[in-house]
Amino acid sequence: MVNYNLQLPAELVEALEELSKTTGLGRDDLVILALVNFLSEPGRISKTTGTLRVTPRNEKYLH
């Protein structure tokens, strides 16, 4: 389990809430997806296990 504490700008929180309504994903899920996208090359979702496999873009962000 990963714990994080992010202070998001109000505009971003509003955008996440709206996106959450249209996608059905929770705000935390959307933040995690954004971080995964920022930290990695485009991922592939396994059709059999549903897991997301990613390759780091830059090792400096992973420490």
Foldseek 3Di string as FASTA:
>chain_A
DDDDDDDDDPVVVVVLVVVCVVPVDDSVVVVVVVVLVVQFPDWDQDPVPRDTDTHGPDCVVVD
